[in-house]
Amino acid sequence: MAKMTLLEMTQDILSDMDSDQVNSIDGSAEALQVANIIKTSYYNIIDGRDYPFLYEMFRMFTSGTLDRPTHMNLPDTVIDLKWIKYNSKLKSTDKNLYKKVTYKTPEEFMELLDNRDSSAANIKVVVDSTRYGISTGVSLNILNDKQPQCFTSFDDESLVFDSYLATLENNLQNSQTQCWGKRSIPFTMTDTFIPDIPVQMFTYLLAEAKSAAFMTFKQMANQKAEKHSITQKRRMSEEAWRIANGITYPNYGRTSKTYKKPNY
């Protein structure tokens, strides 16, 4: 099956239910309800498994202030951080040298920083800030003569690294990061919207939505749609994805609400 727009899927389901056809998803109350059923089915499928296409490479955002040179932020679209690498070269003329930065829990991170001498010449005392830039008044002893070795997050939004190399840059740069993680995928309620899923999943999505629509409007199961949905779900669980016949992911990193310690 080729990729379909939200309107095309809505029209397909309305046709199977012998309902009035529409030229837009908001052409009737029933059409709009069907479109919402498609949206719900879409998120049920996406949330049910860590599909490879949900993951991508990205860069961090800088804090935007020299007062907090090792603070960085995740893009809003990233919901699960798997790993971070930072370019650890010592001079601008050196070749790139990306190294993985280790995650530490806030307690482990503060234990490391609190054991540093805040009066030392290679320490920059940074006052942490929580979300929205409100200061906590907590001092962080950040090394200014070393590329970052570890990081933590106190609020599941900002990431704080333990060091930076002041002779090379005034603060950590997003252009020097390499990150990999899971992205969120929005669903737009417009006629021309095409769900951001592989082409082989459209049959599954349409079958799931059609089955749900029949239960909602007809209070009865569509046996053909039910069977098709089960078949497609089984196929997706066994699907040989384009890279390495599927990918197995470790269970660590950042989630939307809870920050778990990676198993580096």
Protein backbone atom coordinates (compact mmCIF):
# COMPACT_ATOMS: atom_id res chain seq x y z
CA MET A 1 0.00 0.00 0.00
CA ALA A 2 1.20 3.49 -0.84
CA LYS A 3 1.27 6.25 1.72
CA MET A 4 -2.10 7.94 2.25
CA THR A 5 -3.21 11.34 3.45
CA LEU A 6 -5.50 11.68 6.45
CA LEU A 7 -8.36 12.61 4.11
CA GLU A 8 -7.80 9.54 1.91
CA MET A 9 -7.85 7.22 4.94
CA THR A 10 -10.96 8.94 6.28
CA GLN A 11 -12.71 8.54 2.92
CA ASP A 12 -11.71 4.87 2.72
CA ILE A 13 -13.19 4.12 6.15
CA LEU A 14 -16.37 6.10 5.46
CA SER A 15 -16.82 4.15 2.23
CA ASP A 16 -16.49 0.81 4.02
CA MET A 17 -19.11 1.96 6.55
CA ASP A 18 -21.48 3.04 3.72
CA SER A 19 -21.38 6.57 5.09
CA ASP A 20 -21.64 9.84 3.16
CA GLN A 21 -18.47 10.82 1.38
CA VAL A 22 -16.72 14.10 2.15
CA ASN A 23 -14.13 16.33 0.51
CA SER A 24 -12.53 17.29 3.83
CA ILE A 25 -12.09 15.66 7.22
CA ASP A 26 -14.30 18.36 8.71
CA GLY A 27 -16.92 17.88 6.01
CA SER A 28 -19.17 16.15 8.54
CA ALA A 29 -19.17 15.32 12.23
CA GLU A 30 -18.76 11.65 11.37
CA ALA A 31 -15.75 12.32 9.13
CA LEU A 32 -14.04 14.35 11.82
CA GLN A 33 -14.66 11.57 14.34
CA VAL A 34 -13.17 9.03 11.94
CA ALA A 35 -10.11 11.27 11.51
CA ASN A 36 -9.72 11.37 15.29
CA ILE A 37 -9.98 7.57 15.42
CA ILE A 38 -7.15 7.39 12.88
CA LYS A 39 -5.11 9.72 15.07
CA THR A 40 -5.72 7.58 18.16
CA SER A 41 -4.86 4.40 16.26
CA TYR A 42 -1.68 6.05 15.00
CA TYR A 43 -0.46 6.88 18.50
CA ASN A 44 -1.48 3.44 19.81
CA ILE A 45 0.77 1.87 17.18
CA ILE A 46 3.66 4.30 17.69
CA ASP A 47 3.60 4.04 21.48
CA GLY A 48 3.43 0.26 21.44
CA ARG A 49 6.98 -0.44 20.28
CA ASP A 50 10.42 1.14 19.80
CA TYR A 51 10.42 1.15 16.02
CA PRO A 52 13.76 1.97 14.35
CA PHE A 53 12.31 4.88 12.36
CA LEU A 54 11.53 6.73 15.59
CA TYR A 55 15.23 7.25 16.30
CA GLU A 56 17.53 9.86 14.81
CA MET A 57 20.81 11.72 15.18
CA PHE A 58 20.63 15.30 16.45
CA ARG A 59 22.59 18.06 18.19
CA MET A 60 22.14 19.68 21.57
CA PHE A 61 21.28 23.35 22.08
CA THR A 62 23.64 25.65 23.98
CA SER A 63 22.45 27.40 27.13
CA GLY A 64 22.79 30.77 25.43
CA THR A 65 24.77 32.32 28.31
CA LEU A 66 28.45 32.42 29.29
CA ASP A 67 27.39 32.32 32.95
CA ARG A 68 26.53 28.64 32.50
CA PRO A 69 29.05 27.43 29.92
CA THR A 70 28.32 23.73 30.36
CA HIS A 71 24.52 23.86 30.34
CA MET A 72 22.84 22.50 27.22
CA ASN A 73 19.27 21.65 26.23
CA LEU A 74 17.66 18.83 24.32
CA PRO A 75 15.55 19.65 21.25
CA ASP A 76 11.85 19.68 22.11
CA THR A 77 11.21 16.82 19.69
CA VAL A 78 13.52 14.40 21.54
CA ILE A 79 11.77 12.27 24.18
CA ASP A 80 14.45 9.67 24.91
CA LEU A 81 18.17 10.41 24.86
CA LYS A 82 20.33 7.34 24.27
CA TRP A 83 23.84 8.76 24.09
CA ILE A 84 25.91 11.92 23.66
CA LYS A 85 29.33 12.43 22.13
CA TYR A 86 31.36 15.64 22.30
CA ASN A 87 34.24 16.73 20.10
CA SER A 88 37.15 16.39 22.54
CA LYS A 89 39.91 17.88 20.43
CA LEU A 90 42.29 20.18 22.33
CA LYS A 91 43.03 22.76 19.62
CA SER A 92 40.99 24.15 16.76
CA THR A 93 43.55 22.81 14.31
CA ASP A 94 43.30 19.25 15.65
CA LYS A 95 41.25 16.64 13.86
CA ASN A 96 37.80 15.92 15.25
CA LEU A 97 37.77 13.51 18.17
CA TYR A 98 34.24 12.65 19.30
CA LYS A 99 34.04 10.80 22.60
CA LYS A 100 31.03 9.52 24.51
CA VAL A 101 30.11 11.57 27.58
CA THR A 102 28.99 9.45 30.53
CA TYR A 103 25.72 10.02 32.34
CA LYS A 104 25.73 10.35 36.15
CA THR A 105 22.79 10.64 38.50
CA PRO A 106 22.41 14.10 40.10
CA GLU A 107 23.77 12.71 43.36
CA GLU A 108 26.84 11.18 41.69
CA PHE A 109 27.40 14.34 39.67
CA MET A 110 27.25 16.63 42.70
CA GLU A 111 29.54 14.31 44.66
CA LEU A 112 32.12 14.68 41.90
CA LEU A 113 31.81 18.47 41.69
CA ASP A 114 31.68 19.06 45.44
CA ASN A 115 35.02 17.29 45.86
CA ARG A 116 36.67 19.95 43.69
CA ASP A 117 38.40 23.01 45.15
CA SER A 118 36.20 25.98 44.28
CA SER A 119 39.14 28.37 44.72
CA ALA A 120 41.38 26.57 42.21
CA ALA A 121 42.42 28.44 39.07
CA ASN A 122 40.90 25.79 36.80
CA ILE A 123 37.47 25.98 38.42
CA LYS A 124 34.62 28.20 37.25
CA VAL A 125 31.89 28.40 39.89
CA VAL A 126 28.59 28.27 38.06
CA VAL A 127 25.23 29.01 39.67
CA ASP A 128 22.71 26.49 38.42
CA SER A 129 19.28 27.47 37.15
CA THR A 130 16.15 25.43 36.88
CA ARG A 131 13.65 25.50 34.07
CA TYR A 132 12.69 28.96 32.76
CA GLY A 133 16.06 30.32 33.98
CA ILE A 134 15.07 30.70 37.62
CA SER A 135 18.19 30.44 39.79
CA THR A 136 18.43 27.73 42.42
CA GLY A 137 21.44 29.37 44.05
CA VAL A 138 23.30 26.04 43.91
CA SER A 139 26.99 26.38 43.00
CA LEU A 140 28.62 23.96 40.58
CA ASN A 141 32.42 23.60 40.45
CA ILE A 142 33.00 23.31 36.72
CA LEU A 143 36.45 22.53 35.30
CA ASN A 144 37.53 25.04 32.64
CA ASP A 145 40.59 23.18 31.34
CA LYS A 146 39.11 19.89 30.18
CA GLN A 147 36.60 18.66 27.63
CA PRO A 148 33.41 17.24 29.20
CA GLN A 149 33.61 13.76 30.68
CA CYS A 150 30.16 13.36 32.23
CA PHE A 151 26.76 15.03 32.51
CA THR A 152 23.52 14.95 34.46
CA SER A 153 20.09 16.55 34.45
CA PHE A 154 18.38 18.07 37.47
CA ASP A 155 15.04 18.75 35.79
CA ASP A 156 14.82 16.41 32.78
CA GLU A 157 15.09 19.42 30.48
CA SER A 158 18.56 20.94 30.81
CA LEU A 159 21.75 18.90 30.75
CA VAL A 160 24.76 19.99 32.79
CA PHE A 161 28.28 18.87 31.87
CA ASP A 162 31.17 18.75 34.31
CA SER A 163 33.77 20.70 32.31
CA TYR A 164 34.72 22.66 29.21
CA LEU A 165 37.97 23.73 27.59
CA ALA A 166 38.17 27.53 27.96
CA THR A 167 41.28 27.80 25.79
CA LEU A 168 39.22 26.48 22.87
CA GLU A 169 35.70 27.85 23.48
CA ASN A 170 33.84 30.06 25.94
CA ASN A 171 31.08 27.50 26.39
CA LEU A 172 30.08 24.11 25.02
CA GLN A 173 28.92 24.35 21.42
CA ASN A 174 25.98 22.55 19.83
CA SER A 175 28.03 22.14 16.65
CA GLN A 176 30.46 19.93 18.58
CA THR A 177 27.82 17.46 19.78
CA GLN A 178 26.63 14.18 18.34
CA CYS A 179 23.51 12.68 19.92
CA TRP A 180 21.14 9.84 19.21
CA GLY A 181 17.67 9.32 20.62
CA LYS A 182 13.97 8.85 20.12
CA ARG A 183 11.87 11.61 18.61
CA SER A 184 8.25 12.51 19.09
CA ILE A 185 6.06 12.44 16.00
CA PRO A 186 3.21 14.96 15.77
CA PHE A 187 -0.12 14.20 14.12
CA THR A 188 -1.70 17.13 12.30
CA MET A 189 -5.45 17.21 11.78
CA THR A 190 -5.39 18.46 8.19
CA ASP A 191 -6.59 16.88 4.96
CA THR A 192 -3.13 16.64 3.41
CA PHE A 193 -1.31 15.31 6.48
CA ILE A 194 0.60 12.08 5.81
CA PRO A 195 1.59 10.16 8.98
CA ASP A 196 5.35 9.95 9.46
CA ILE A 197 5.62 6.17 9.33
CA PRO A 198 7.20 3.74 6.83
CA VAL A 199 5.05 2.88 3.83
CA GLN A 200 4.67 -0.74 5.01
CA MET A 201 2.84 0.44 8.15
CA PHE A 202 -0.03 2.20 6.39
CA THR A 203 -1.97 -1.02 5.86
CA TYR A 204 -1.65 -1.72 9.59
CA LEU A 205 -2.76 1.80 10.54
CA LEU A 206 -5.75 1.74 8.21
CA ALA A 207 -6.84 -1.70 9.43
CA GLU A 208 -6.56 -0.65 13.09
CA ALA A 209 -8.52 2.55 12.48
CA LYS A 210 -11.15 0.77 10.42
CA SER A 211 -11.67 -1.84 13.13
CA ALA A 212 -12.01 0.87 15.79
CA ALA A 213 -14.39 2.91 13.62
CA PHE A 214 -16.75 -0.03 13.13
CA MET A 215 -16.85 -0.66 16.87
CA THR A 216 -17.54 3.05 17.50
CA PHE A 217 -20.20 3.66 14.87
CA LYS A 218 -21.73 0.24 14.26
CA GLN A 219 -21.24 -1.30 17.72
CA MET A 220 -20.02 -4.37 15.89
CA ALA A 221 -16.73 -5.81 14.75
CA ASN A 222 -15.71 -5.75 11.12
CA GLN A 223 -14.37 -9.28 10.80
CA LYS A 224 -12.36 -8.49 7.68
CA ALA A 225 -10.76 -5.42 9.26
CA GLU A 226 -10.11 -7.29 12.52
CA LYS A 227 -8.36 -10.12 10.68
CA HIS A 228 -6.37 -7.68 8.58
CA SER A 229 -5.32 -5.75 11.68
CA ILE A 230 -4.10 -8.87 13.46
CA THR A 231 -2.20 -10.01 10.37
CA GLN A 232 -0.52 -6.61 9.94
CA LYS A 233 0.37 -6.37 13.62
CA ARG A 234 2.08 -9.75 13.43
CA ARG A 235 3.86 -8.68 10.27
CA MET A 236 5.15 -5.49 11.90
CA SER A 237 6.51 -7.46 14.87
CA GLU A 238 8.44 -9.70 12.47
CA GLU A 239 9.29 -7.02 9.93
CA ALA A 240 12.81 -7.13 8.52
CA TRP A 241 13.58 -3.43 8.65
CA ARG A 242 15.92 -1.97 6.09
CA ILE A 243 18.92 -1.80 8.41
CA ALA A 244 20.37 -4.88 10.14
CA ASN A 245 17.07 -6.79 10.14
CA GLY A 246 15.79 -4.68 13.01
CA ILE A 247 17.70 -2.99 15.80
CA THR A 248 17.83 -3.85 19.48
CA TYR A 249 18.07 -0.86 21.79
CA PRO A 250 19.46 -0.79 25.34
CA ASN A 251 17.10 0.36 28.06
CA TYR A 252 18.66 3.60 29.25
CA GLY A 253 18.54 7.34 28.70
CA ARG A 254 15.98 10.12 28.93
CA THR A 255 12.23 9.61 28.86
CA SER A 256 9.56 12.25 28.76
CA LYS A 257 9.14 12.22 32.54
CA THR A 258 11.83 10.09 34.15
CA TYR A 259 15.57 10.25 33.63
CA LYS A 260 17.11 6.81 33.93
CA LYS A 261 20.79 6.10 34.34
CA PRO A 262 22.31 4.67 31.13
CA ASN A 263 24.18 1.39 31.21
CA TYR A 264 27.33 2.77 29.61
